[in-house]
Amino acid sequence: MRIILLGPPGSGKGTQGEMIERKFNLPRIATGDILREAVKLKTPLGLAAEAQIKAGHLVSDEIVASLVAERIKQSDCLQGYILDGFPRNLNQIKLLEKMDNCQEEIAIEIYVPEETVIKRLVNRRICSSCGTVYNIITSPPQRFEFCDFCGGQLIQREDDNAEVIRERLRIYETEIKDIREHYCRKGVFYKINGEGSVDEVFKRIEIILESKIKKKV
């Protein structure tokens, strides 16, 4: 099964993707992660992506799709996988369905109101060394400004401010409409409430996925 996680910045897609990965034993593929890794390792696709970034362009759909295609060819993806950050538009959907048209799929959008997203992101802090994410209100570190795991300095991303977040949400809403419509037409789209504790949100997702798996069996 291919699980496509959708949701605005701050919706908790990454956390929920990790919980789905552990529960259902399916690899989570976060396109941001595999893109950064490819650039770091200077693979052919990584070098091509880096060139576009340095030129001030967004990484093309074709390069992102090629990175995903390389990843889903690996043996741990044979029974399915979780996509976080891909597809982001109709062209990417077409590329995805062309590269792998055998998987049964489900698209789950985690909905969170704008003000909740802003509150989450302005209070987000990220370890500059290991990348662990904290929230100074809901999940603060044990020592202020330092990571519990590696002791690295916690930083706030430059774009984690209310004005930038509102613009990112506006862009997300523009992009997501066509994606919603596509998966709604296929009858595989689900929208869940992303407010509440991490466990409460996961329970909503778990109910949907378990019902789909039981039907498949």
N, C-alpha and C. Protein backbone atom coordinates (compact mmCIF):
# COMPACT_ATOMS: atom_id res chain seq x y z
N MET A 1 0.83 -1.20 0.00
CA MET A 1 0.00 0.00 0.00
C MET A 1 0.87 1.25 0.00
N ARG A 2 0.49 2.21 -0.82
CA ARG A 2 1.16 3.50 -0.85
C ARG A 2 0.33 4.49 -0.04
N ILE A 3 0.94 5.03 1.02
CA ILE A 3 0.27 5.99 1.88
C ILE A 3 0.84 7.37 1.58
N ILE A 4 0.00 8.28 1.13
CA ILE A 4 0.43 9.63 0.80
C ILE A 4 -0.05 10.56 1.90
N LEU A 5 0.89 11.15 2.61
CA LEU A 5 0.56 12.07 3.70
C LEU A 5 0.57 13.50 3.19
N LEU A 6 -0.54 14.18 3.41
CA LEU A 6 -0.68 15.57 3.01
C LEU A 6 -0.97 16.43 4.24
N GLY A 7 -0.63 17.69 4.13
CA GLY A 7 -0.90 18.59 5.25
C GLY A 7 -0.01 19.81 5.17
N PRO A 8 -0.44 20.91 5.74
CA PRO A 8 0.35 22.15 5.70
C PRO A 8 1.58 22.05 6.59
N PRO A 9 2.50 23.00 6.46
CA PRO A 9 3.63 23.05 7.40
C PRO A 9 3.10 23.11 8.83
N GLY A 10 3.70 22.34 9.72
CA GLY A 10 3.25 22.35 11.11
C GLY A 10 2.09 21.45 11.42
N SER A 11 1.65 20.66 10.44
CA SER A 11 0.51 19.76 10.67
C SER A 11 0.91 18.49 11.39
N GLY A 12 2.22 18.20 11.44
CA GLY A 12 2.68 16.99 12.12
C GLY A 12 2.85 15.81 11.20
N LYS A 13 2.96 16.05 9.89
CA LYS A 13 3.12 14.95 8.93
C LYS A 13 4.33 14.08 9.25
N GLY A 14 5.44 14.73 9.57
CA GLY A 14 6.66 13.97 9.83
C GLY A 14 6.52 13.04 11.01
N THR A 15 5.98 13.56 12.10
CA THR A 15 5.78 12.74 13.31
C THR A 15 4.82 11.61 13.04
N GLN A 16 3.70 11.90 12.38
CA GLN A 16 2.72 10.87 12.09
C GLN A 16 3.28 9.84 11.12
N GLY A 17 4.09 10.30 10.16
CA GLY A 17 4.71 9.36 9.22
C GLY A 17 5.61 8.38 9.93
N GLU A 18 6.36 8.87 10.91
CA GLU A 18 7.24 7.99 11.69
C GLU A 18 6.44 6.97 12.49
N MET A 19 5.30 7.40 13.03
CA MET A 19 4.47 6.48 13.82
C MET A 19 3.81 5.43 12.93
N ILE A 20 3.40 5.83 11.73
CA ILE A 20 2.84 4.88 10.76
C ILE A 20 3.91 3.87 10.37
N GLU A 21 5.12 4.37 10.15
CA GLU A 21 6.25 3.51 9.77
C GLU A 21 6.46 2.41 10.81
N ARG A 22 6.47 2.80 12.09
CA ARG A 22 6.69 1.82 13.16
C ARG A 22 5.52 0.85 13.30
N LYS A 23 4.32 1.36 13.20
CA LYS A 23 3.13 0.52 13.41
C LYS A 23 2.91 -0.47 12.27
N PHE A 24 3.07 -0.01 11.04
CA PHE A 24 2.72 -0.83 9.88
C PHE A 24 3.93 -1.36 9.13
N ASN A 25 5.12 -1.07 9.64
CA ASN A 25 6.35 -1.61 9.05
C ASN A 25 6.49 -1.26 7.57
N LEU A 26 6.21 0.00 7.26
CA LEU A 26 6.38 0.51 5.91
C LEU A 26 7.39 1.66 5.95
N PRO A 27 8.34 1.72 5.03
CA PRO A 27 9.34 2.79 5.07
C PRO A 27 8.72 4.15 4.76
N ARG A 28 9.14 5.15 5.52
CA ARG A 28 8.71 6.53 5.27
C ARG A 28 9.72 7.20 4.37
N ILE A 29 9.24 7.77 3.28
CA ILE A 29 10.10 8.46 2.32
C ILE A 29 9.76 9.94 2.38
N ALA A 30 10.63 10.71 3.02
CA ALA A 30 10.47 12.16 3.10
C ALA A 30 11.33 12.78 2.01
N THR A 31 10.71 13.43 1.05
CA THR A 31 11.47 13.91 -0.10
C THR A 31 12.53 14.94 0.29
N GLY A 32 12.25 15.73 1.31
CA GLY A 32 13.27 16.68 1.77
C GLY A 32 14.52 15.97 2.24
N ASP A 33 14.33 14.86 2.95
CA ASP A 33 15.47 14.09 3.47
C ASP A 33 16.29 13.46 2.35
N ILE A 34 15.60 12.82 1.39
CA ILE A 34 16.36 12.14 0.34
C ILE A 34 17.01 13.14 -0.61
N LEU A 35 16.42 14.33 -0.74
CA LEU A 35 17.04 15.37 -1.55
C LEU A 35 18.32 15.88 -0.89
N ARG A 36 18.24 16.16 0.40
CA ARG A 36 19.43 16.63 1.12
C ARG A 36 20.54 15.58 1.12
N GLU A 37 20.15 14.32 1.26
CA GLU A 37 21.14 13.24 1.25
C GLU A 37 21.82 13.13 -0.11
N ALA A 38 21.04 13.25 -1.18
CA ALA A 38 21.61 13.17 -2.52
C ALA A 38 22.58 14.32 -2.78
N VAL A 39 22.24 15.51 -2.32
CA VAL A 39 23.13 16.66 -2.47
C VAL A 39 24.40 16.45 -1.66
N LYS A 40 24.24 15.95 -0.45
CA LYS A 40 25.39 15.71 0.43
C LYS A 40 26.35 14.69 -0.17
N LEU A 41 25.79 13.62 -0.75
CA LEU A 41 26.61 12.55 -1.31
C LEU A 41 27.09 12.87 -2.73
N LYS A 42 26.60 13.97 -3.29
CA LYS A 42 26.98 14.41 -4.63
C LYS A 42 26.68 13.33 -5.68
N THR A 43 25.51 12.72 -5.57
CA THR A 43 25.06 11.79 -6.59
C THR A 43 24.71 12.60 -7.84
N PRO A 44 24.57 11.94 -9.00
CA PRO A 44 24.19 12.69 -10.21
C PRO A 44 22.92 13.52 -10.02
N LEU A 45 21.90 12.92 -9.40
CA LEU A 45 20.67 13.67 -9.16
C LEU A 45 20.89 14.78 -8.12
N GLY A 46 21.73 14.47 -7.13
CA GLY A 46 22.04 15.48 -6.12
C GLY A 46 22.75 16.68 -6.71
N LEU A 47 23.69 16.44 -7.61
CA LEU A 47 24.42 17.53 -8.26
C LEU A 47 23.48 18.36 -9.14
N ALA A 48 22.57 17.67 -9.82
CA ALA A 48 21.61 18.38 -10.68
C ALA A 48 20.68 19.25 -9.83
N ALA A 49 20.24 18.70 -8.69
CA ALA A 49 19.37 19.47 -7.79
C ALA A 49 20.12 20.65 -7.21
N GLU A 50 21.36 20.43 -6.81
CA GLU A 50 22.17 21.51 -6.22
C GLU A 50 22.37 22.65 -7.21
N ALA A 51 22.57 22.30 -8.47
CA ALA A 51 22.75 23.34 -9.49
C ALA A 51 21.50 24.20 -9.63
N GLN A 52 20.35 23.56 -9.58
CA GLN A 52 19.10 24.32 -9.67
C GLN A 52 18.91 25.22 -8.46
N ILE A 53 19.24 24.68 -7.28
CA ILE A 53 19.10 25.47 -6.05
C ILE A 53 20.01 26.68 -6.07
N LYS A 54 21.27 26.47 -6.48
CA LYS A 54 22.24 27.57 -6.53
C LYS A 54 21.85 28.64 -7.56
N ALA A 55 21.12 28.20 -8.58
CA ALA A 55 20.65 29.15 -9.60
C ALA A 55 19.40 29.90 -9.15
N GLY A 56 18.93 29.57 -7.95
CA GLY A 56 17.76 30.26 -7.41
C GLY A 56 16.44 29.67 -7.85
N HIS A 57 16.47 28.43 -8.38
CA HIS A 57 15.25 27.79 -8.86
C HIS A 57 14.78 26.72 -7.87
N LEU A 58 13.50 26.39 -7.96
CA LEU A 58 13.00 25.22 -7.25
C LEU A 58 13.52 23.97 -7.95
N VAL A 59 13.75 22.92 -7.18
CA VAL A 59 14.16 21.66 -7.78
C VAL A 59 13.01 21.14 -8.64
N SER A 60 13.31 20.74 -9.86
CA SER A 60 12.27 20.37 -10.82
C SER A 60 11.50 19.12 -10.38
N ASP A 61 10.28 19.02 -10.87
CA ASP A 61 9.46 17.84 -10.58
C ASP A 61 10.17 16.57 -11.03
N GLU A 62 10.85 16.64 -12.17
CA GLU A 62 11.49 15.46 -12.73
C GLU A 62 12.61 14.95 -11.84
N ILE A 63 13.40 15.86 -11.27
CA ILE A 63 14.49 15.44 -10.39
C ILE A 63 13.93 14.85 -9.10
N VAL A 64 12.94 15.53 -8.52
CA VAL A 64 12.34 15.01 -7.28
C VAL A 64 11.72 13.64 -7.53
N ALA A 65 11.00 13.50 -8.65
CA ALA A 65 10.38 12.22 -8.97
C ALA A 65 11.42 11.13 -9.20
N SER A 66 12.54 11.49 -9.81
CA SER A 66 13.61 10.51 -10.04
C SER A 66 14.22 10.03 -8.73
N LEU A 67 14.36 10.95 -7.77
CA LEU A 67 14.85 10.56 -6.44
C LEU A 67 13.89 9.60 -5.76
N VAL A 68 12.59 9.88 -5.87
CA VAL A 68 11.58 8.99 -5.30
C VAL A 68 11.61 7.64 -6.01
N ALA A 69 11.73 7.67 -7.33
CA ALA A 69 11.76 6.42 -8.11
C ALA A 69 12.92 5.53 -7.69
N GLU A 70 14.10 6.14 -7.47
CA GLU A 70 15.26 5.36 -7.01
C GLU A 70 14.97 4.71 -5.66
N ARG A 71 14.32 5.47 -4.78
CA ARG A 71 14.07 4.97 -3.42
C ARG A 71 13.05 3.84 -3.41
N ILE A 72 11.97 3.96 -4.19
CA ILE A 72 10.92 2.94 -4.10
C ILE A 72 11.29 1.66 -4.84
N LYS A 73 12.40 1.68 -5.57
CA LYS A 73 12.88 0.46 -6.21
C LYS A 73 13.58 -0.46 -5.21
N GLN A 74 13.90 0.07 -4.03
CA GLN A 74 14.60 -0.73 -3.03
C GLN A 74 13.67 -1.77 -2.42
N SER A 75 14.25 -2.86 -1.96
CA SER A 75 13.47 -4.04 -1.55
C SER A 75 12.50 -3.77 -0.40
N ASP A 76 12.83 -2.83 0.48
CA ASP A 76 11.94 -2.60 1.62
C ASP A 76 10.65 -1.90 1.22
N CYS A 77 10.55 -1.46 -0.05
CA CYS A 77 9.34 -0.78 -0.52
C CYS A 77 8.40 -1.69 -1.30
N LEU A 78 8.75 -2.97 -1.42
CA LEU A 78 7.95 -3.88 -2.24
C LEU A 78 6.52 -4.02 -1.74
N GLN A 79 6.34 -4.00 -0.42
CA GLN A 79 5.00 -4.15 0.16
C GLN A 79 4.28 -2.82 0.36
N GLY A 80 4.99 -1.73 0.06
CA GLY A 80 4.38 -0.42 0.21
C GLY A 80 5.32 0.57 0.86
N TYR A 81 4.87 1.81 0.97
CA TYR A 81 5.71 2.86 1.54
C TYR A 81 4.84 4.07 1.87
N ILE A 82 5.44 5.00 2.61
CA ILE A 82 4.77 6.22 3.02
C ILE A 82 5.48 7.39 2.34
N LEU A 83 4.72 8.25 1.68
CA LEU A 83 5.30 9.42 1.03
C LEU A 83 4.96 10.68 1.82
N ASP A 84 6.00 11.43 2.17
CA ASP A 84 5.84 12.67 2.93
C ASP A 84 6.53 13.78 2.14
N GLY A 85 5.74 14.68 1.55
CA GLY A 85 6.32 15.77 0.77
C GLY A 85 6.25 15.54 -0.73
N PHE A 86 5.63 14.48 -1.15
CA PHE A 86 5.49 14.15 -2.57
C PHE A 86 4.27 13.25 -2.73
N PRO A 87 3.40 13.55 -3.70
CA PRO A 87 3.45 14.60 -4.71
C PRO A 87 2.92 15.94 -4.19
N ARG A 88 3.39 17.01 -4.84
CA ARG A 88 2.98 18.37 -4.46
C ARG A 88 2.13 19.05 -5.54
N ASN A 89 1.96 18.41 -6.67
CA ASN A 89 1.13 18.98 -7.73
C ASN A 89 0.69 17.86 -8.67
N LEU A 90 -0.16 18.22 -9.64
CA LEU A 90 -0.71 17.19 -10.54
C LEU A 90 0.38 16.56 -11.41
N ASN A 91 1.36 17.33 -11.81
CA ASN A 91 2.44 16.76 -12.62
C ASN A 91 3.20 15.70 -11.84
N GLN A 92 3.48 15.97 -10.56
CA GLN A 92 4.16 14.99 -9.72
C GLN A 92 3.30 13.76 -9.51
N ILE A 93 1.98 13.93 -9.43
CA ILE A 93 1.08 12.78 -9.32
C ILE A 93 1.20 11.90 -10.57
N LYS A 94 1.22 12.52 -11.73
CA LYS A 94 1.36 11.77 -12.98
C LYS A 94 2.68 11.01 -13.02
N LEU A 95 3.75 11.67 -12.59
CA LEU A 95 5.06 11.02 -12.57
C LEU A 95 5.07 9.85 -11.59
N LEU A 96 4.43 10.02 -10.44
CA LEU A 96 4.36 8.95 -9.45
C LEU A 96 3.59 7.75 -9.98
N GLU A 97 2.44 8.01 -10.57
CA GLU A 97 1.62 6.90 -11.07
C GLU A 97 2.27 6.20 -12.25
N LYS A 98 3.09 6.93 -12.98
CA LYS A 98 3.82 6.32 -14.11
C LYS A 98 4.93 5.42 -13.60
N MET A 99 5.62 5.84 -12.54
CA MET A 99 6.75 5.05 -12.03
C MET A 99 6.30 3.82 -11.24
N ASP A 100 5.10 3.88 -10.66
CA ASP A 100 4.62 2.76 -9.84
C ASP A 100 3.10 2.76 -9.85
N ASN A 101 2.52 2.01 -10.78
CA ASN A 101 1.06 1.98 -10.91
C ASN A 101 0.44 0.71 -10.34
N CYS A 102 1.24 -0.04 -9.57
CA CYS A 102 0.75 -1.32 -9.04
C CYS A 102 0.24 -1.21 -7.61
N GLN A 103 0.69 -0.20 -6.88
CA GLN A 103 0.35 -0.10 -5.48
C GLN A 103 -1.08 0.41 -5.27
N GLU A 104 -1.81 -0.25 -4.39
CA GLU A 104 -3.04 0.35 -3.89
C GLU A 104 -2.63 1.57 -3.08
N GLU A 105 -3.40 2.64 -3.16
CA GLU A 105 -2.95 3.85 -2.48
C GLU A 105 -4.07 4.49 -1.66
N ILE A 106 -3.63 5.33 -0.73
CA ILE A 106 -4.55 6.11 0.10
C ILE A 106 -3.88 7.44 0.40
N ALA A 107 -4.64 8.52 0.30
CA ALA A 107 -4.12 9.86 0.58
C ALA A 107 -4.82 10.38 1.83
N ILE A 108 -4.02 10.77 2.82
CA ILE A 108 -4.56 11.27 4.08
C ILE A 108 -4.05 12.68 4.31
N GLU A 109 -4.98 13.63 4.40
CA GLU A 109 -4.60 15.00 4.68
C GLU A 109 -4.85 15.29 6.16
N ILE A 110 -3.84 15.80 6.83
CA ILE A 110 -3.95 16.19 8.24
C ILE A 110 -4.31 17.68 8.26
N TYR A 111 -5.54 17.97 8.70
CA TYR A 111 -6.01 19.36 8.71
C TYR A 111 -5.77 20.00 10.07
N VAL A 112 -5.15 21.18 10.05
CA VAL A 112 -4.93 21.96 11.26
C VAL A 112 -5.27 23.41 10.95
N PRO A 113 -6.07 24.08 11.78
CA PRO A 113 -6.40 25.49 11.53
C PRO A 113 -5.17 26.38 11.49
N GLU A 114 -5.27 27.46 10.75
CA GLU A 114 -4.13 28.36 10.53
C GLU A 114 -3.51 28.85 11.83
N GLU A 115 -4.32 29.29 12.77
CA GLU A 115 -3.76 29.84 14.01
C GLU A 115 -3.02 28.78 14.82
N THR A 116 -3.49 27.53 14.75
CA THR A 116 -2.80 26.44 15.44
C THR A 116 -1.44 26.19 14.80
N VAL A 117 -1.40 26.20 13.47
CA VAL A 117 -0.14 26.02 12.75
C VAL A 117 0.85 27.11 13.14
N ILE A 118 0.40 28.35 13.15
CA ILE A 118 1.28 29.46 13.50
C ILE A 118 1.82 29.30 14.92
N LYS A 119 0.94 28.94 15.84
CA LYS A 119 1.37 28.75 17.24
C LYS A 119 2.41 27.65 17.34
N ARG A 120 2.22 26.58 16.59
CA ARG A 120 3.17 25.47 16.62
C ARG A 120 4.53 25.89 16.07
N LEU A 121 4.52 26.57 14.92
CA LEU A 121 5.77 26.83 14.23
C LEU A 121 6.58 27.96 14.85
N VAL A 122 5.92 28.97 15.40
CA VAL A 122 6.71 30.05 16.02
C VAL A 122 7.39 29.56 17.29
N ASN A 123 6.88 28.47 17.86
CA ASN A 123 7.48 27.89 19.06
C ASN A 123 8.36 26.69 18.77
N ARG A 124 8.59 26.40 17.47
CA ARG A 124 9.43 25.27 17.09
C ARG A 124 10.90 25.62 17.20
N ARG A 125 11.67 24.67 17.70
CA ARG A 125 13.12 24.81 17.74
C ARG A 125 13.74 23.51 17.21
N ILE A 126 14.85 23.64 16.49
CA ILE A 126 15.49 22.50 15.85
C ILE A 126 16.94 22.42 16.28
N CYS A 127 17.41 21.21 16.60
CA CYS A 127 18.81 21.04 16.98
C CYS A 127 19.70 21.27 15.76
N SER A 128 20.67 22.16 15.90
CA SER A 128 21.55 22.49 14.78
C SER A 128 22.52 21.36 14.46
N SER A 129 22.64 20.37 15.36
CA SER A 129 23.57 19.25 15.14
C SER A 129 22.88 18.00 14.60
N CYS A 130 21.82 17.55 15.29
CA CYS A 130 21.20 16.28 14.90
C CYS A 130 19.82 16.43 14.26
N GLY A 131 19.26 17.64 14.28
CA GLY A 131 17.98 17.87 13.62
C GLY A 131 16.75 17.53 14.43
N THR A 132 16.91 17.11 15.69
CA THR A 132 15.74 16.81 16.54
C THR A 132 14.89 18.07 16.70
N VAL A 133 13.57 17.88 16.60
CA VAL A 133 12.64 19.00 16.65
C VAL A 133 11.97 19.08 18.02
N TYR A 134 11.89 20.28 18.56
CA TYR A 134 11.22 20.52 19.83
C TYR A 134 10.17 21.61 19.66
N ASN A 135 9.26 21.68 20.61
CA ASN A 135 8.34 22.81 20.71
C ASN A 135 8.46 23.33 22.13
N ILE A 136 8.79 24.59 22.27
CA ILE A 136 9.09 25.11 23.61
C ILE A 136 7.86 25.17 24.51
N ILE A 137 6.67 24.96 23.93
CA ILE A 137 5.44 24.92 24.73
C ILE A 137 5.02 23.49 25.03
N THR A 138 4.90 22.67 23.97
CA THR A 138 4.33 21.32 24.13
C THR A 138 5.37 20.23 24.35
N SER A 139 6.57 20.41 23.82
CA SER A 139 7.61 19.38 23.99
C SER A 139 8.98 20.04 24.14
N PRO A 140 9.18 20.76 25.23
CA PRO A 140 10.42 21.51 25.42
C PRO A 140 11.59 20.60 25.76
N PRO A 141 12.81 21.04 25.50
CA PRO A 141 14.00 20.27 25.92
C PRO A 141 14.16 20.35 27.43
N GLN A 142 14.93 19.42 27.99
CA GLN A 142 15.17 19.45 29.43
C GLN A 142 16.01 20.65 29.83
N ARG A 143 16.95 21.03 28.95
CA ARG A 143 17.78 22.22 29.20
C ARG A 143 17.46 23.26 28.13
N PHE A 144 17.11 24.43 28.54
CA PHE A 144 16.71 25.48 27.61
C PHE A 144 17.80 25.73 26.56
N GLU A 145 17.38 25.68 25.29
CA GLU A 145 18.24 25.98 24.14
C GLU A 145 19.24 24.88 23.79
N PHE A 146 19.17 23.71 24.47
CA PHE A 146 20.10 22.63 24.15
C PHE A 146 19.36 21.30 23.93
N CYS A 147 19.85 20.53 22.97
CA CYS A 147 19.23 19.25 22.61
C CYS A 147 19.42 18.21 23.70
N ASP A 148 18.37 17.45 24.00
CA ASP A 148 18.44 16.40 25.01
C ASP A 148 19.33 15.25 24.56
N PHE A 149 19.44 15.03 23.24
CA PHE A 149 20.12 13.85 22.72
C PHE A 149 21.61 14.07 22.47
N CYS A 150 21.96 15.22 21.88
CA CYS A 150 23.37 15.42 21.53
C CYS A 150 23.97 16.67 22.16
N GLY A 151 23.15 17.46 22.84
CA GLY A 151 23.65 18.67 23.47
C GLY A 151 23.85 19.83 22.52
N GLY A 152 23.42 19.66 21.26
CA GLY A 152 23.59 20.72 20.27
C GLY A 152 22.73 21.93 20.56
N GLN A 153 23.10 23.04 19.96
CA GLN A 153 22.36 24.30 20.13
C GLN A 153 21.03 24.22 19.39
N LEU A 154 19.96 24.64 20.04
CA LEU A 154 18.65 24.70 19.39
C LEU A 154 18.50 26.04 18.69
N ILE A 155 17.96 26.00 17.47
CA ILE A 155 17.79 27.22 16.69
C ILE A 155 16.35 27.34 16.21
N GLN A 156 15.96 28.55 15.86
CA GLN A 156 14.66 28.78 15.25
C GLN A 156 14.88 29.10 13.78
N ARG A 157 14.15 28.40 12.91
CA ARG A 157 14.27 28.66 11.48
C ARG A 157 13.83 30.07 11.17
N GLU A 158 14.50 30.71 10.20
CA GLU A 158 14.17 32.08 9.83
C GLU A 158 12.74 32.21 9.34
N ASP A 159 12.22 31.15 8.71
CA ASP A 159 10.86 31.23 8.17
C ASP A 159 9.79 30.82 9.17
N ASP A 160 10.18 30.55 10.41
CA ASP A 160 9.19 30.22 11.44
C ASP A 160 8.72 31.50 12.15
N ASN A 161 8.20 32.43 11.37
CA ASN A 161 7.56 33.62 11.93
C ASN A 161 6.20 33.78 11.29
N ALA A 162 5.31 34.47 11.97
CA ALA A 162 3.89 34.48 11.59
C ALA A 162 3.66 34.94 10.15
N GLU A 163 4.36 35.98 9.73
CA GLU A 163 4.14 36.53 8.39
C GLU A 163 4.52 35.52 7.31
N VAL A 164 5.67 34.90 7.46
CA VAL A 164 6.12 33.91 6.47
C VAL A 164 5.23 32.68 6.50
N ILE A 165 4.84 32.26 7.69
CA ILE A 165 3.99 31.07 7.83
C ILE A 165 2.67 31.28 7.11
N ARG A 166 2.06 32.46 7.26
CA ARG A 166 0.78 32.73 6.58
C ARG A 166 0.94 32.64 5.07
N GLU A 167 2.06 33.10 4.55
CA GLU A 167 2.30 33.01 3.11
C GLU A 167 2.51 31.56 2.69
N ARG A 168 3.22 30.79 3.49
CA ARG A 168 3.41 29.37 3.18
C ARG A 168 2.08 28.62 3.18
N LEU A 169 1.20 28.97 4.10
CA LEU A 169 -0.12 28.34 4.17
C LEU A 169 -0.96 28.73 2.96
N ARG A 170 -0.84 29.99 2.52
CA ARG A 170 -1.57 30.42 1.33
C ARG A 170 -1.13 29.62 0.11
N ILE A 171 0.18 29.44 -0.03
CA ILE A 171 0.71 28.66 -1.15
C ILE A 171 0.24 27.20 -1.06
N TYR A 172 0.27 26.65 0.15
CA TYR A 172 -0.18 25.27 0.34
C TYR A 172 -1.63 25.10 -0.11
N GLU A 173 -2.51 26.03 0.31
CA GLU A 173 -3.92 25.91 -0.05
C GLU A 173 -4.13 25.99 -1.55
N THR A 174 -3.30 26.80 -2.22
CA THR A 174 -3.39 26.89 -3.68
C THR A 174 -2.98 25.58 -4.34
N GLU A 175 -1.91 24.98 -3.82
CA GLU A 175 -1.38 23.75 -4.42
C GLU A 175 -2.24 22.53 -4.12
N ILE A 176 -2.84 22.48 -2.93
CA ILE A 176 -3.48 21.25 -2.48
C ILE A 176 -4.84 21.01 -3.14
N LYS A 177 -5.48 22.05 -3.68
CA LYS A 177 -6.83 21.89 -4.22
C LYS A 177 -6.90 20.82 -5.30
N ASP A 178 -6.01 20.90 -6.27
CA ASP A 178 -6.02 19.93 -7.37
C ASP A 178 -5.69 18.52 -6.87
N ILE A 179 -4.80 18.44 -5.89
CA ILE A 179 -4.42 17.14 -5.34
C ILE A 179 -5.60 16.51 -4.62
N ARG A 180 -6.31 17.30 -3.82
CA ARG A 180 -7.51 16.80 -3.15
C ARG A 180 -8.51 16.25 -4.16
N GLU A 181 -8.76 17.07 -5.19
CA GLU A 181 -9.75 16.68 -6.20
C GLU A 181 -9.35 15.39 -6.90
N HIS A 182 -8.08 15.25 -7.21
CA HIS A 182 -7.61 14.04 -7.89
C HIS A 182 -7.87 12.79 -7.05
N TYR A 183 -7.45 12.84 -5.79
CA TYR A 183 -7.61 11.65 -4.95
C TYR A 183 -9.05 11.44 -4.51
N CYS A 184 -9.83 12.52 -4.45
CA CYS A 184 -11.27 12.37 -4.18
C CYS A 184 -11.94 11.62 -5.33
N ARG A 185 -11.59 11.99 -6.56
CA ARG A 185 -12.17 11.31 -7.73
C ARG A 185 -11.83 9.82 -7.72
N LYS A 186 -10.65 9.49 -7.22
CA LYS A 186 -10.24 8.08 -7.16
C LYS A 186 -10.86 7.36 -5.97
N GLY A 187 -11.47 8.11 -5.06
CA GLY A 187 -12.10 7.51 -3.89
C GLY A 187 -11.14 7.05 -2.83
N VAL A 188 -9.95 7.70 -2.76
CA VAL A 188 -8.94 7.25 -1.80
C VAL A 188 -8.49 8.40 -0.88
N PHE A 189 -9.28 9.47 -0.83
CA PHE A 189 -8.89 10.64 -0.05
C PHE A 189 -9.59 10.68 1.30
N TYR A 190 -8.81 10.94 2.35
CA TYR A 190 -9.35 11.07 3.70
C TYR A 190 -8.76 12.32 4.34
N LYS A 191 -9.60 13.07 5.04
CA LYS A 191 -9.16 14.27 5.73
C LYS A 191 -9.42 14.09 7.22
N ILE A 192 -8.39 14.24 8.03
CA ILE A 192 -8.55 14.02 9.46
C ILE A 192 -8.16 15.26 10.25
N ASN A 193 -8.71 15.36 11.43
CA ASN A 193 -8.43 16.47 12.34
C ASN A 193 -7.03 16.30 12.93
N GLY A 194 -6.16 17.29 12.73
CA GLY A 194 -4.80 17.20 13.22
C GLY A 194 -4.58 17.86 14.58
N GLU A 195 -5.66 18.29 15.22
CA GLU A 195 -5.52 18.88 16.56
C GLU A 195 -5.61 17.80 17.63
N GLY A 196 -5.05 18.08 18.78
CA GLY A 196 -5.01 17.11 19.86
C GLY A 196 -3.60 16.59 20.05
N SER A 197 -3.46 15.60 20.92
CA SER A 197 -2.13 15.03 21.16
C SER A 197 -1.67 14.22 19.96
N VAL A 198 -0.38 13.94 19.91
CA VAL A 198 0.19 13.13 18.84
C VAL A 198 -0.51 11.77 18.77
N ASP A 199 -0.75 11.18 19.93
CA ASP A 199 -1.39 9.87 19.98
C ASP A 199 -2.84 9.93 19.51
N GLU A 200 -3.54 11.01 19.85
CA GLU A 200 -4.93 11.15 19.41
C GLU A 200 -5.02 11.26 17.90
N VAL A 201 -4.12 12.04 17.32
CA VAL A 201 -4.11 12.18 15.85
C VAL A 201 -3.76 10.86 15.19
N PHE A 202 -2.77 10.16 15.75
CA PHE A 202 -2.37 8.88 15.17
C PHE A 202 -3.51 7.87 15.22
N LYS A 203 -4.29 7.89 16.28
CA LYS A 203 -5.41 6.95 16.40
C LYS A 203 -6.40 7.15 15.26
N ARG A 204 -6.63 8.40 14.88
CA ARG A 204 -7.55 8.68 13.76
C ARG A 204 -7.00 8.10 12.46
N ILE A 205 -5.69 8.24 12.26
CA ILE A 205 -5.07 7.69 11.06
C ILE A 205 -5.07 6.17 11.10
N GLU A 206 -4.76 5.62 12.26
CA GLU A 206 -4.69 4.17 12.44
C GLU A 206 -6.01 3.50 12.10
N ILE A 207 -7.12 4.09 12.53
CA ILE A 207 -8.45 3.53 12.25
C ILE A 207 -8.67 3.43 10.75
N ILE A 208 -8.30 4.48 10.02
CA ILE A 208 -8.47 4.48 8.56
C ILE A 208 -7.61 3.41 7.91
N LEU A 209 -6.34 3.36 8.29
CA LEU A 209 -5.42 2.41 7.66
C LEU A 209 -5.78 0.97 7.98
N GLU A 210 -6.17 0.70 9.20
CA GLU A 210 -6.52 -0.68 9.57
C GLU A 210 -7.76 -1.13 8.84
N SER A 211 -8.71 -0.22 8.61
CA SER A 211 -9.92 -0.59 7.87
C SER A 211 -9.58 -0.91 6.43
N LYS A 212 -8.64 -0.18 5.85
CA LYS A 212 -8.24 -0.44 4.47
C LYS A 212 -7.49 -1.76 4.36
N ILE A 213 -6.63 -2.04 5.33
CA ILE A 213 -5.85 -3.28 5.32
C ILE A 213 -6.76 -4.48 5.50
N LYS A 214 -7.75 -4.39 6.38
CA LYS A 214 -8.69 -5.50 6.60
C LYS A 214 -9.49 -5.80 5.33
N LYS A 215 -9.91 -4.74 4.62
CA LYS A 215 -10.64 -4.94 3.37
C LYS A 215 -9.78 -5.62 2.33
N LYS A 216 -8.49 -5.26 2.34
CA LYS A 216 -7.56 -5.85 1.38
C LYS A 216 -7.37 -7.33 1.64
N VAL A 217 -7.31 -7.69 2.94
CA VAL A 217 -7.14 -9.09 3.32
C VAL A 217 -8.40 -9.87 3.02
